[in-house]
Amino acid sequence: MKCPHCNNELDELPFCYGMEAPHYFYTVPEEKRTELIRDFCVIDEQHFFIRGHIE
């Protein structure tokens, strides 16, 4: 099995899952979606999301 992000071979079943964007990102009109990059999302210059990982 390969990692979809880094393309490295995985020896074990992955237990870390995440979404490409917050659910709210898909519920607002496209013109209000300001920015979406790998770990950061801005919607309408009012809502800010940062992807995190808790071990």
PDB file of N, CA and C in Angstrom:
ATOM      1  N   MET A   1       0.850  -1.170   0.000  1.00  0.00           N
ATOM      2  CA  MET A   1       0.000   0.000   0.000  1.00  0.00           C
ATOM      3  C   MET A   1       0.903   1.243   0.000  1.00  0.00           C
ATOM      4  N   LYS A   2       0.508   2.254  -0.768  1.00  0.00           N
ATOM      5  CA  LYS A   2       1.286   3.491  -0.846  1.00  0.00           C
ATOM      6  C   LYS A   2       0.519   4.646  -0.228  1.00  0.00           C
ATOM      7  N   CYS A   3       1.271   5.577   0.378  1.00  0.00           N
ATOM      8  CA  CYS A   3       0.690   6.796   0.924  1.00  0.00           C
ATOM      9  C   CYS A   3       0.241   7.687  -0.237  1.00  0.00           C
ATOM     10  N   PRO A   4      -1.007   8.192  -0.213  1.00  0.00           N
ATOM     11  CA  PRO A   4      -1.472   9.033  -1.315  1.00  0.00           C
ATOM     12  C   PRO A   4      -0.825  10.419  -1.350  1.00  0.00           C
ATOM     13  N   HIS A   5      -0.190  10.833  -0.252  1.00  0.00           N
ATOM     14  CA  HIS A   5       0.410  12.167  -0.196  1.00  0.00           C
ATOM     15  C   HIS A   5       1.888  12.169  -0.557  1.00  0.00           C
ATOM     16  N   CYS A   6       2.662  11.218   0.021  1.00  0.00           N
ATOM     17  CA  CYS A   6       4.113  11.215  -0.216  1.00  0.00           C
ATOM     18  C   CYS A   6       4.561  10.082  -1.128  1.00  0.00           C
ATOM     19  N   ASN A   7       3.644   9.168  -1.476  1.00  0.00           N
ATOM     20  CA  ASN A   7       3.911   8.059  -2.382  1.00  0.00           C
ATOM     21  C   ASN A   7       4.902   7.030  -1.815  1.00  0.00           C
ATOM     22  N   ASN A   8       5.156   7.060  -0.506  1.00  0.00           N
ATOM     23  CA  ASN A   8       6.023   6.069   0.130  1.00  0.00           C
ATOM     24  C   ASN A   8       5.244   4.791   0.391  1.00  0.00           C
ATOM     25  N   GLU A   9       5.961   3.664   0.373  1.00  0.00           N
ATOM     26  CA  GLU A   9       5.346   2.380   0.698  1.00  0.00           C
ATOM     27  C   GLU A   9       5.034   2.333   2.195  1.00  0.00           C
ATOM     28  N   LEU A  10       3.861   1.824   2.557  1.00  0.00           N
ATOM     29  CA  LEU A  10       3.458   1.688   3.952  1.00  0.00           C
ATOM     30  C   LEU A  10       3.548   0.222   4.357  1.00  0.00           C
ATOM     31  N   ASP A  11       4.189  -0.035   5.496  1.00  0.00           N
ATOM     32  CA  ASP A  11       4.324  -1.396   5.992  1.00  0.00           C
ATOM     33  C   ASP A  11       3.122  -1.829   6.816  1.00  0.00           C
ATOM     34  N   GLU A  12       2.389  -0.858   7.361  1.00  0.00           N
ATOM     35  CA  GLU A  12       1.261  -1.149   8.227  1.00  0.00           C
ATOM     36  C   GLU A  12       0.018  -0.417   7.723  1.00  0.00           C
ATOM     37  N   LEU A  13      -1.115  -0.821   8.219  1.00  0.00           N
ATOM     38  CA  LEU A  13      -2.364  -0.158   7.902  1.00  0.00           C
ATOM     39  C   LEU A  13      -2.359   1.245   8.508  1.00  0.00           C
ATOM     40  N   PRO A  14      -2.651   2.302   7.741  1.00  0.00           N
ATOM     41  CA  PRO A  14      -2.646   3.663   8.291  1.00  0.00           C
ATOM     42  C   PRO A  14      -3.816   3.880   9.259  1.00  0.00           C
ATOM     43  N   PHE A  15      -3.536   4.539  10.358  1.00  0.00           N
ATOM     44  CA  PHE A  15      -4.566   4.852  11.344  1.00  0.00           C
ATOM     45  C   PHE A  15      -4.796   6.354  11.468  1.00  0.00           C
ATOM     46  N   CYS A  16      -4.280   7.120  10.544  1.00  0.00           N
ATOM     47  CA  CYS A  16      -4.438   8.562  10.549  1.00  0.00           C
ATOM     48  C   CYS A  16      -5.191   8.957   9.273  1.00  0.00           C
ATOM     49  N   TYR A  17      -6.368   9.518   9.450  1.00  0.00           N
ATOM     50  CA  TYR A  17      -7.184   9.898   8.313  1.00  0.00           C
ATOM     51  C   TYR A  17      -7.551  11.372   8.417  1.00  0.00           C
ATOM     52  N   GLY A  18      -7.742  12.005   7.289  1.00  0.00           N
ATOM     53  CA  GLY A  18      -8.119  13.415   7.311  1.00  0.00           C
ATOM     54  C   GLY A  18      -8.888  13.782   6.061  1.00  0.00           C
ATOM     55  N   MET A  19      -9.475  14.941   6.103  1.00  0.00           N
ATOM     56  CA  MET A  19     -10.253  15.453   4.978  1.00  0.00           C
ATOM     57  C   MET A  19      -9.402  16.451   4.196  1.00  0.00           C
ATOM     58  N   GLU A  20      -9.730  16.634   2.927  1.00  0.00           N
ATOM     59  CA  GLU A  20      -9.021  17.609   2.104  1.00  0.00           C
ATOM     60  C   GLU A  20      -9.345  19.033   2.529  1.00  0.00           C
ATOM     61  N   ALA A  21     -10.582  19.253   2.981  1.00  0.00           N
ATOM     62  CA  ALA A  21     -11.021  20.585   3.406  1.00  0.00           C
ATOM     63  C   ALA A  21     -12.094  20.417   4.476  1.00  0.00           C
ATOM     64  N   PRO A  22     -12.315  21.455   5.289  1.00  0.00           N
ATOM     65  CA  PRO A  22     -13.413  21.380   6.266  1.00  0.00           C
ATOM     66  C   PRO A  22     -14.763  21.251   5.543  1.00  0.00           C
ATOM     67  N   HIS A  23     -15.697  20.591   6.160  1.00  0.00           N
ATOM     68  CA  HIS A  23     -17.029  20.406   5.558  1.00  0.00           C
ATOM     69  C   HIS A  23     -17.647  21.762   5.170  1.00  0.00           C
ATOM     70  N   TYR A  24     -17.454  22.748   6.009  1.00  0.00           N
ATOM     71  CA  TYR A  24     -18.013  24.086   5.749  1.00  0.00           C
ATOM     72  C   TYR A  24     -17.541  24.647   4.412  1.00  0.00           C
ATOM     73  N   PHE A  25     -16.345  24.297   3.988  1.00  0.00           N
ATOM     74  CA  PHE A  25     -15.783  24.771   2.726  1.00  0.00           C
ATOM     75  C   PHE A  25     -16.696  24.415   1.553  1.00  0.00           C
ATOM     76  N   TYR A  26     -17.295  23.241   1.598  1.00  0.00           N
ATOM     77  CA  TYR A  26     -18.138  22.779   0.498  1.00  0.00           C
ATOM     78  C   TYR A  26     -19.581  23.270   0.588  1.00  0.00           C
ATOM     79  N   THR A  27     -19.949  23.911   1.696  1.00  0.00           N
ATOM     80  CA  THR A  27     -21.328  24.377   1.860  1.00  0.00           C
ATOM     81  C   THR A  27     -21.512  25.845   1.505  1.00  0.00           C
ATOM     82  N   VAL A  28     -20.428  26.581   1.303  1.00  0.00           N
ATOM     83  CA  VAL A  28     -20.528  28.001   0.956  1.00  0.00           C
ATOM     84  C   VAL A  28     -20.341  28.162  -0.556  1.00  0.00           C
ATOM     85  N   PRO A  29     -20.877  29.221  -1.142  1.00  0.00           N
ATOM     86  CA  PRO A  29     -20.700  29.461  -2.582  1.00  0.00           C
ATOM     87  C   PRO A  29     -19.215  29.591  -2.945  1.00  0.00           C
ATOM     88  N   GLU A  30     -18.887  29.192  -4.143  1.00  0.00           N
ATOM     89  CA  GLU A  30     -17.492  29.175  -4.584  1.00  0.00           C
ATOM     90  C   GLU A  30     -16.818  30.545  -4.501  1.00  0.00           C
ATOM     91  N   GLU A  31     -17.566  31.632  -4.729  1.00  0.00           N
ATOM     92  CA  GLU A  31     -16.960  32.969  -4.689  1.00  0.00           C
ATOM     93  C   GLU A  31     -16.535  33.390  -3.274  1.00  0.00           C
ATOM     94  N   LYS A  32     -17.038  32.713  -2.239  1.00  0.00           N
ATOM     95  CA  LYS A  32     -16.647  33.034  -0.870  1.00  0.00           C
ATOM     96  C   LYS A  32     -15.463  32.195  -0.391  1.00  0.00           C
ATOM     97  N   ARG A  33     -15.084  31.195  -1.168  1.00  0.00           N
ATOM     98  CA  ARG A  33     -13.943  30.357  -0.815  1.00  0.00           C
ATOM     99  C   ARG A  33     -12.667  31.106  -1.178  1.00  0.00           C
ATOM    100  N   THR A  34     -12.025  31.662  -0.181  1.00  0.00           N
ATOM    101  CA  THR A  34     -10.888  32.528  -0.433  1.00  0.00           C
ATOM    102  C   THR A  34      -9.605  31.758  -0.716  1.00  0.00           C
ATOM    103  N   GLU A  35      -9.280  30.783   0.137  1.00  0.00           N
ATOM    104  CA  GLU A  35      -7.995  30.105   0.004  1.00  0.00           C
ATOM    105  C   GLU A  35      -8.082  28.697   0.569  1.00  0.00           C
ATOM    106  N   LEU A  36      -7.482  27.750  -0.137  1.00  0.00           N
ATOM    107  CA  LEU A  36      -7.360  26.379   0.356  1.00  0.00           C
ATOM    108  C   LEU A  36      -6.012  25.849  -0.083  1.00  0.00           C
ATOM    109  N   ILE A  37      -5.130  25.691   0.876  1.00  0.00           N
ATOM    110  CA  ILE A  37      -3.845  25.053   0.609  1.00  0.00           C
ATOM    111  C   ILE A  37      -3.754  23.846   1.538  1.00  0.00           C
ATOM    112  N   ARG A  38      -2.692  23.132   1.496  1.00  0.00           N
ATOM    113  CA  ARG A  38      -2.599  21.827   2.162  1.00  0.00           C
ATOM    114  C   ARG A  38      -3.111  21.799   3.608  1.00  0.00           C
ATOM    115  N   ASP A  39      -2.670  22.692   4.465  1.00  0.00           N
ATOM    116  CA  ASP A  39      -3.050  22.662   5.882  1.00  0.00           C
ATOM    117  C   ASP A  39      -3.777  23.915   6.355  1.00  0.00           C
ATOM    118  N   PHE A  40      -4.236  24.739   5.430  1.00  0.00           N
ATOM    119  CA  PHE A  40      -4.817  26.022   5.806  1.00  0.00           C
ATOM    120  C   PHE A  40      -5.989  26.340   4.883  1.00  0.00           C
ATOM    121  N   CYS A  41      -7.071  26.849   5.455  1.00  0.00           N
ATOM    122  CA  CYS A  41      -8.264  27.184   4.670  1.00  0.00           C
ATOM    123  C   CYS A  41      -8.855  28.485   5.200  1.00  0.00           C
ATOM    124  N   VAL A  42      -9.189  29.401   4.289  1.00  0.00           N
ATOM    125  CA  VAL A  42      -9.850  30.660   4.640  1.00  0.00           C
ATOM    126  C   VAL A  42     -11.141  30.745   3.830  1.00  0.00           C
ATOM    127  N   ILE A  43     -12.232  31.080   4.521  1.00  0.00           N
ATOM    128  CA  ILE A  43     -13.522  31.206   3.849  1.00  0.00           C
ATOM    129  C   ILE A  43     -14.081  32.592   4.143  1.00  0.00           C
ATOM    130  N   ASP A  44     -14.302  33.348   3.071  1.00  0.00           N
ATOM    131  CA  ASP A  44     -14.915  34.679   3.143  1.00  0.00           C
ATOM    132  C   ASP A  44     -14.163  35.633   4.074  1.00  0.00           C
ATOM    133  N   GLU A  45     -12.859  35.445   4.208  1.00  0.00           N
ATOM    134  CA  GLU A  45     -12.020  36.293   5.065  1.00  0.00           C
ATOM    135  C   GLU A  45     -12.539  36.391   6.500  1.00  0.00           C
ATOM    136  N   GLN A  46     -13.398  35.436   6.928  1.00  0.00           N
ATOM    137  CA  GLN A  46     -13.967  35.452   8.272  1.00  0.00           C
ATOM    138  C   GLN A  46     -13.763  34.138   9.017  1.00  0.00           C
ATOM    139  N   HIS A  47     -13.606  33.044   8.294  1.00  0.00           N
ATOM    140  CA  HIS A  47     -13.478  31.728   8.903  1.00  0.00           C
ATOM    141  C   HIS A  47     -12.124  31.145   8.527  1.00  0.00           C
ATOM    142  N   PHE A  48     -11.345  30.751   9.534  1.00  0.00           N
ATOM    143  CA  PHE A  48      -9.990  30.271   9.321  1.00  0.00           C
ATOM    144  C   PHE A  48      -9.848  28.874   9.914  1.00  0.00           C
ATOM    145  N   PHE A  49      -9.305  27.943   9.129  1.00  0.00           N
ATOM    146  CA  PHE A  49      -9.141  26.561   9.555  1.00  0.00           C
ATOM    147  C   PHE A  49      -7.687  26.145   9.352  1.00  0.00           C
ATOM    148  N   ILE A  50      -7.150  25.464  10.349  1.00  0.00           N
ATOM    149  CA  ILE A  50      -5.796  24.909  10.254  1.00  0.00           C
ATOM    150  C   ILE A  50      -5.908  23.418  10.557  1.00  0.00           C
ATOM    151  N   ARG A  51      -5.316  22.595   9.680  1.00  0.00           N
ATOM    152  CA  ARG A  51      -5.326  21.154   9.903  1.00  0.00           C
ATOM    153  C   ARG A  51      -4.253  20.818  10.928  1.00  0.00           C
ATOM    154  N   GLY A  52      -4.613  20.004  11.891  1.00  0.00           N
ATOM    155  CA  GLY A  52      -3.673  19.583  12.920  1.00  0.00           C
ATOM    156  C   GLY A  52      -3.654  18.087  13.051  1.00  0.00           C
ATOM    157  N   HIS A  53      -2.675  17.601  13.797  1.00  0.00           N
ATOM    158  CA  HIS A  53      -2.535  16.165  14.043  1.00  0.00           C
ATOM    159  C   HIS A  53      -2.244  15.964  15.516  1.00  0.00           C
ATOM    160  N   ILE A  54      -3.078  15.202  16.179  1.00  0.00           N
ATOM    161  CA  ILE A  54      -2.898  14.917  17.600  1.00  0.00           C
ATOM    162  C   ILE A  54      -2.470  13.470  17.737  1.00  0.00           C
ATOM    163  N   GLU A  55      -1.377  13.243  18.407  1.00  0.00           N
ATOM    164  CA  GLU A  55      -0.910  11.874  18.633  1.00  0.00           C
ATOM    165  C   GLU A  55      -1.325  11.391  19.994  1.00  0.00           C
TER     166      GLU A  55
END
